[in-house]
Amino acid sequence: MSEDQFLDRLREDARQLQFEPDAFMTTRIAARVRARIEAAPTVSLFLARWLRPIAASLSALALVACVGVAWVEQHSTNGASLDSLSASNAMEISVDGDTYSVGY
C-alpha cells in the first residue's frame, strides 16, 4: 500500500468523525458570540484587563531586580556586599575636632 492510498483512506474514515453543526446550532453559536461582543464590560472586568498586565510586568521587574542583586553580590571582586553598603553600617566623619556618625 502506498503512502497516497493510506492518506486517502484515512481522510475517508475521518469524515465520519467530523462534527458538522446543524442550522439551529450555528444560529445559537452566532447569537452567543454577538451577545458577548455587544455586552458592555463591567468595572471589575475593565480593571482586570488593565491590572493583570501591570501586575505581571511589576512581578517580572522584581524578579529581575532580585536576580541582579544576587548576581552582583556573588561576583563582587572587592568583597563588598549589599549588607556592607547598606545604611546599617555607620560611617564616622571627623570635622573640626567633632566626630559625626553618618548612616543612621
N, C-alpha and C. Protein backbone atom coordinates (compact mmCIF):
# COMPACT_ATOMS: atom_id res chain seq x y z
N MET A 1 0.84 -1.17 0.00
CA MET A 1 0.00 0.00 0.00
C MET A 1 0.89 1.24 0.00
N SER A 2 0.63 2.15 -0.89
CA SER A 2 1.47 3.34 -0.98
C SER A 2 0.99 4.39 0.03
N GLU A 3 1.80 5.39 0.18
CA GLU A 3 1.52 6.46 1.13
C GLU A 3 0.27 7.24 0.73
N ASP A 4 0.05 7.45 -0.56
CA ASP A 4 -1.11 8.21 -1.03
C ASP A 4 -2.41 7.49 -0.72
N GLN A 5 -2.44 6.19 -0.92
CA GLN A 5 -3.65 5.42 -0.63
C GLN A 5 -3.97 5.43 0.86
N PHE A 6 -2.93 5.39 1.68
CA PHE A 6 -3.14 5.41 3.12
C PHE A 6 -3.79 6.72 3.55
N LEU A 7 -3.28 7.85 3.04
CA LEU A 7 -3.85 9.14 3.42
C LEU A 7 -5.27 9.30 2.90
N ASP A 8 -5.56 8.80 1.70
CA ASP A 8 -6.91 8.86 1.17
C ASP A 8 -7.87 8.04 2.03
N ARG A 9 -7.44 6.87 2.43
CA ARG A 9 -8.27 6.02 3.28
C ARG A 9 -8.48 6.64 4.66
N LEU A 10 -7.45 7.29 5.16
CA LEU A 10 -7.54 7.94 6.46
C LEU A 10 -8.53 9.11 6.41
N ARG A 11 -8.48 9.89 5.35
CA ARG A 11 -9.43 11.00 5.19
C ARG A 11 -10.86 10.49 5.09
N GLU A 12 -11.05 9.41 4.35
CA GLU A 12 -12.39 8.84 4.18
C GLU A 12 -12.94 8.33 5.51
N ASP A 13 -12.10 7.68 6.29
CA ASP A 13 -12.54 7.19 7.60
C ASP A 13 -12.80 8.33 8.57
N ALA A 14 -12.06 9.42 8.46
CA ALA A 14 -12.21 10.55 9.38
C ALA A 14 -13.44 11.38 9.08
N ARG A 15 -13.98 11.29 7.88
CA ARG A 15 -15.18 12.07 7.55
C ARG A 15 -16.35 11.69 8.45
N GLN A 16 -16.41 10.47 8.86
CA GLN A 16 -17.50 10.03 9.74
C GLN A 16 -17.38 10.65 11.13
N LEU A 17 -16.18 11.03 11.52
CA LEU A 17 -15.96 11.57 12.86
C LEU A 17 -16.08 13.09 12.92
N GLN A 18 -16.17 13.74 11.80
CA GLN A 18 -16.25 15.20 11.79
C GLN A 18 -17.59 15.66 12.32
N PHE A 19 -17.56 16.76 13.09
CA PHE A 19 -18.77 17.34 13.62
C PHE A 19 -19.21 18.47 12.71
N GLU A 20 -20.41 18.37 12.23
CA GLU A 20 -20.97 19.42 11.38
C GLU A 20 -22.25 19.91 12.05
N PRO A 21 -22.22 21.12 12.62
CA PRO A 21 -23.40 21.61 13.33
C PRO A 21 -24.56 21.88 12.37
N ASP A 22 -25.77 21.67 12.87
CA ASP A 22 -26.95 21.95 12.06
C ASP A 22 -27.25 23.45 12.09
N ALA A 23 -28.29 23.87 11.40
CA ALA A 23 -28.62 25.30 11.29
C ALA A 23 -28.97 25.89 12.65
N PHE A 24 -29.66 25.14 13.50
CA PHE A 24 -30.03 25.63 14.82
C PHE A 24 -28.79 25.91 15.66
N MET A 25 -27.84 25.00 15.66
CA MET A 25 -26.62 25.15 16.44
C MET A 25 -25.79 26.33 15.93
N THR A 26 -25.71 26.50 14.61
CA THR A 26 -24.97 27.62 14.04
C THR A 26 -25.59 28.95 14.44
N THR A 27 -26.89 29.04 14.41
CA THR A 27 -27.58 30.27 14.80
C THR A 27 -27.36 30.55 16.28
N ARG A 28 -27.43 29.53 17.09
CA ARG A 28 -27.24 29.70 18.53
C ARG A 28 -25.81 30.18 18.86
N ILE A 29 -24.83 29.59 18.22
CA ILE A 29 -23.43 30.00 18.45
C ILE A 29 -23.23 31.43 18.00
N ALA A 30 -23.75 31.80 16.85
CA ALA A 30 -23.62 33.17 16.35
C ALA A 30 -24.28 34.17 17.30
N ALA A 31 -25.44 33.82 17.85
CA ALA A 31 -26.13 34.71 18.78
C ALA A 31 -25.33 34.90 20.07
N ARG A 32 -24.72 33.83 20.56
CA ARG A 32 -23.90 33.95 21.77
C ARG A 32 -22.66 34.81 21.52
N VAL A 33 -22.05 34.67 20.37
CA VAL A 33 -20.87 35.48 20.04
C VAL A 33 -21.27 36.95 19.94
N ARG A 34 -22.38 37.24 19.25
CA ARG A 34 -22.84 38.63 19.14
C ARG A 34 -23.17 39.21 20.50
N ALA A 35 -23.78 38.44 21.37
CA ALA A 35 -24.15 38.92 22.70
C ALA A 35 -22.91 39.26 23.53
N ARG A 36 -21.86 38.45 23.41
CA ARG A 36 -20.64 38.75 24.17
C ARG A 36 -19.90 39.95 23.61
N ILE A 37 -19.97 40.15 22.31
CA ILE A 37 -19.31 41.31 21.70
C ILE A 37 -20.02 42.60 22.08
N GLU A 38 -21.35 42.57 22.08
CA GLU A 38 -22.13 43.78 22.35
C GLU A 38 -22.23 44.11 23.83
N ALA A 39 -21.95 43.19 24.71
CA ALA A 39 -22.08 43.42 26.15
C ALA A 39 -21.02 44.42 26.61
N ALA A 40 -21.47 45.39 27.39
CA ALA A 40 -20.54 46.39 27.93
C ALA A 40 -19.74 45.76 29.07
N PRO A 41 -18.45 46.04 29.14
CA PRO A 41 -17.65 45.44 30.21
C PRO A 41 -18.00 46.07 31.56
N THR A 42 -17.97 45.27 32.59
CA THR A 42 -18.22 45.77 33.93
C THR A 42 -16.96 46.43 34.47
N VAL A 43 -17.10 47.10 35.60
CA VAL A 43 -15.95 47.79 36.19
C VAL A 43 -14.87 46.78 36.59
N SER A 44 -15.28 45.67 37.16
CA SER A 44 -14.30 44.67 37.57
C SER A 44 -13.57 44.07 36.37
N LEU A 45 -14.30 43.84 35.29
CA LEU A 45 -13.66 43.31 34.08
C LEU A 45 -12.71 44.34 33.49
N PHE A 46 -13.10 45.60 33.48
CA PHE A 46 -12.24 46.66 32.97
C PHE A 46 -10.95 46.77 33.79
N LEU A 47 -11.08 46.74 35.12
CA LEU A 47 -9.89 46.81 35.97
C LEU A 47 -9.01 45.58 35.82
N ALA A 48 -9.61 44.42 35.67
CA ALA A 48 -8.82 43.20 35.49
C ALA A 48 -8.02 43.24 34.20
N ARG A 49 -8.62 43.80 33.15
CA ARG A 49 -7.90 43.89 31.87
C ARG A 49 -6.70 44.81 31.97
N TRP A 50 -6.75 45.81 32.83
CA TRP A 50 -5.63 46.73 32.98
C TRP A 50 -4.64 46.29 34.04
N LEU A 51 -5.13 45.76 35.15
CA LEU A 51 -4.23 45.47 36.26
C LEU A 51 -3.45 44.18 36.09
N ARG A 52 -3.98 43.20 35.41
CA ARG A 52 -3.23 41.96 35.22
C ARG A 52 -1.92 42.15 34.47
N PRO A 53 -1.91 42.88 33.35
CA PRO A 53 -0.62 43.09 32.68
C PRO A 53 0.34 43.95 33.51
N ILE A 54 -0.20 44.92 34.25
CA ILE A 54 0.66 45.76 35.08
C ILE A 54 1.27 44.93 36.20
N ALA A 55 0.47 44.07 36.84
CA ALA A 55 0.98 43.22 37.90
C ALA A 55 2.02 42.23 37.36
N ALA A 56 1.79 41.70 36.19
CA ALA A 56 2.76 40.78 35.59
C ALA A 56 4.07 41.50 35.27
N SER A 57 3.98 42.74 34.78
CA SER A 57 5.18 43.50 34.47
C SER A 57 5.97 43.82 35.74
N LEU A 58 5.28 44.24 36.79
CA LEU A 58 5.97 44.55 38.04
C LEU A 58 6.57 43.30 38.67
N SER A 59 5.91 42.18 38.54
CA SER A 59 6.47 40.93 39.06
C SER A 59 7.74 40.54 38.31
N ALA A 60 7.71 40.71 37.01
CA ALA A 60 8.91 40.41 36.20
C ALA A 60 10.04 41.37 36.57
N LEU A 61 9.72 42.62 36.79
CA LEU A 61 10.74 43.60 37.17
C LEU A 61 11.34 43.26 38.53
N ALA A 62 10.51 42.85 39.49
CA ALA A 62 11.01 42.47 40.81
C ALA A 62 11.90 41.23 40.72
N LEU A 63 11.51 40.28 39.88
CA LEU A 63 12.33 39.08 39.70
C LEU A 63 13.69 39.42 39.11
N VAL A 64 13.71 40.30 38.12
CA VAL A 64 14.97 40.73 37.52
C VAL A 64 15.84 41.46 38.54
N ALA A 65 15.22 42.29 39.38
CA ALA A 65 15.98 43.00 40.41
C ALA A 65 16.59 42.04 41.42
N CYS A 66 15.83 41.03 41.84
CA CYS A 66 16.36 40.05 42.79
C CYS A 66 17.51 39.26 42.20
N VAL A 67 17.35 38.84 40.96
CA VAL A 67 18.43 38.10 40.30
C VAL A 67 19.66 39.00 40.13
N GLY A 68 19.44 40.26 39.79
CA GLY A 68 20.55 41.19 39.63
C GLY A 68 21.32 41.42 40.91
N VAL A 69 20.61 41.60 42.03
CA VAL A 69 21.28 41.79 43.32
C VAL A 69 22.06 40.55 43.70
N ALA A 70 21.47 39.39 43.50
CA ALA A 70 22.18 38.15 43.83
C ALA A 70 23.42 37.98 42.96
N TRP A 71 23.32 38.33 41.68
CA TRP A 71 24.47 38.20 40.79
C TRP A 71 25.58 39.18 41.18
N VAL A 72 25.22 40.41 41.53
CA VAL A 72 26.22 41.41 41.93
C VAL A 72 26.92 40.97 43.20
N GLU A 73 26.17 40.45 44.17
CA GLU A 73 26.80 40.00 45.41
C GLU A 73 27.72 38.81 45.18
N GLN A 74 27.35 37.94 44.28
CA GLN A 74 28.16 36.76 44.03
C GLN A 74 29.44 37.10 43.27
N HIS A 75 29.38 38.06 42.38
CA HIS A 75 30.52 38.37 41.53
C HIS A 75 31.28 39.63 41.94
N SER A 76 31.07 40.10 43.14
CA SER A 76 31.80 41.30 43.56
C SER A 76 33.26 40.93 43.82
N THR A 77 34.18 41.75 43.35
CA THR A 77 35.61 41.44 43.45
C THR A 77 36.26 42.04 44.68
N ASN A 78 35.70 43.11 45.21
CA ASN A 78 36.36 43.76 46.34
C ASN A 78 35.82 43.28 47.69
N GLY A 79 34.95 42.30 47.71
CA GLY A 79 34.44 41.76 48.96
C GLY A 79 33.31 42.55 49.55
N ALA A 80 32.94 43.66 48.93
CA ALA A 80 31.84 44.46 49.44
C ALA A 80 30.53 43.80 49.06
N SER A 81 29.67 43.65 50.03
CA SER A 81 28.37 43.08 49.75
C SER A 81 27.30 44.15 49.94
N LEU A 82 26.09 43.79 49.65
CA LEU A 82 24.99 44.73 49.79
C LEU A 82 24.79 45.09 51.25
N ASP A 83 25.08 44.16 52.17
CA ASP A 83 24.94 44.45 53.59
C ASP A 83 25.96 45.48 54.05
N SER A 84 27.16 45.40 53.53
CA SER A 84 28.19 46.34 53.96
C SER A 84 27.96 47.73 53.37
N LEU A 85 27.20 47.81 52.29
CA LEU A 85 26.91 49.11 51.68
C LEU A 85 25.62 49.72 52.20
N SER A 86 24.87 48.98 53.00
CA SER A 86 23.58 49.48 53.47
C SER A 86 23.75 50.51 54.57
N ALA A 87 22.64 51.10 54.95
CA ALA A 87 22.67 52.17 55.94
C ALA A 87 22.86 51.65 57.36
N SER A 88 22.85 50.35 57.58
CA SER A 88 23.02 49.82 58.94
C SER A 88 24.45 49.99 59.43
N ASN A 89 25.41 50.10 58.53
CA ASN A 89 26.80 50.33 58.92
C ASN A 89 27.06 51.83 58.92
N ALA A 90 27.38 52.34 60.07
CA ALA A 90 27.58 53.78 60.21
C ALA A 90 28.98 54.16 59.74
N MET A 91 29.08 55.38 59.24
CA MET A 91 30.38 55.92 58.84
C MET A 91 30.64 57.14 59.71
N GLU A 92 31.84 57.20 60.25
CA GLU A 92 32.18 58.32 61.13
C GLU A 92 33.02 59.32 60.37
N ILE A 93 32.65 60.58 60.53
CA ILE A 93 33.36 61.67 59.86
C ILE A 93 33.82 62.64 60.94
N SER A 94 35.09 63.00 60.90
CA SER A 94 35.62 63.97 61.86
C SER A 94 35.81 65.30 61.16
N VAL A 95 35.15 66.32 61.67
CA VAL A 95 35.25 67.66 61.11
C VAL A 95 35.51 68.62 62.26
N ASP A 96 36.63 69.31 62.20
CA ASP A 96 36.97 70.35 63.16
C ASP A 96 36.98 69.83 64.59
N GLY A 97 37.45 68.61 64.76
CA GLY A 97 37.58 68.03 66.07
C GLY A 97 36.34 67.31 66.55
N ASP A 98 35.22 67.48 65.88
CA ASP A 98 33.99 66.79 66.27
C ASP A 98 33.83 65.54 65.40
N THR A 99 33.28 64.49 65.95
CA THR A 99 33.06 63.25 65.23
C THR A 99 31.56 63.09 64.99
N TYR A 100 31.22 62.91 63.73
CA TYR A 100 29.81 62.73 63.33
C TYR A 100 29.63 61.32 62.81
N SER A 101 28.51 60.74 63.15
CA SER A 101 28.17 59.39 62.68
C SER A 101 27.12 59.54 61.58
N VAL A 102 27.43 59.01 60.41
CA VAL A 102 26.55 59.11 59.26
C VAL A 102 26.07 57.71 58.90
N GLY A 103 24.80 57.57 58.59
CA GLY A 103 24.29 56.29 58.14
C GLY A 103 23.15 55.77 58.96
N TYR A 104 22.74 56.49 59.97
CA TYR A 104 21.60 56.02 60.78
C TYR A 104 20.37 56.76 60.41
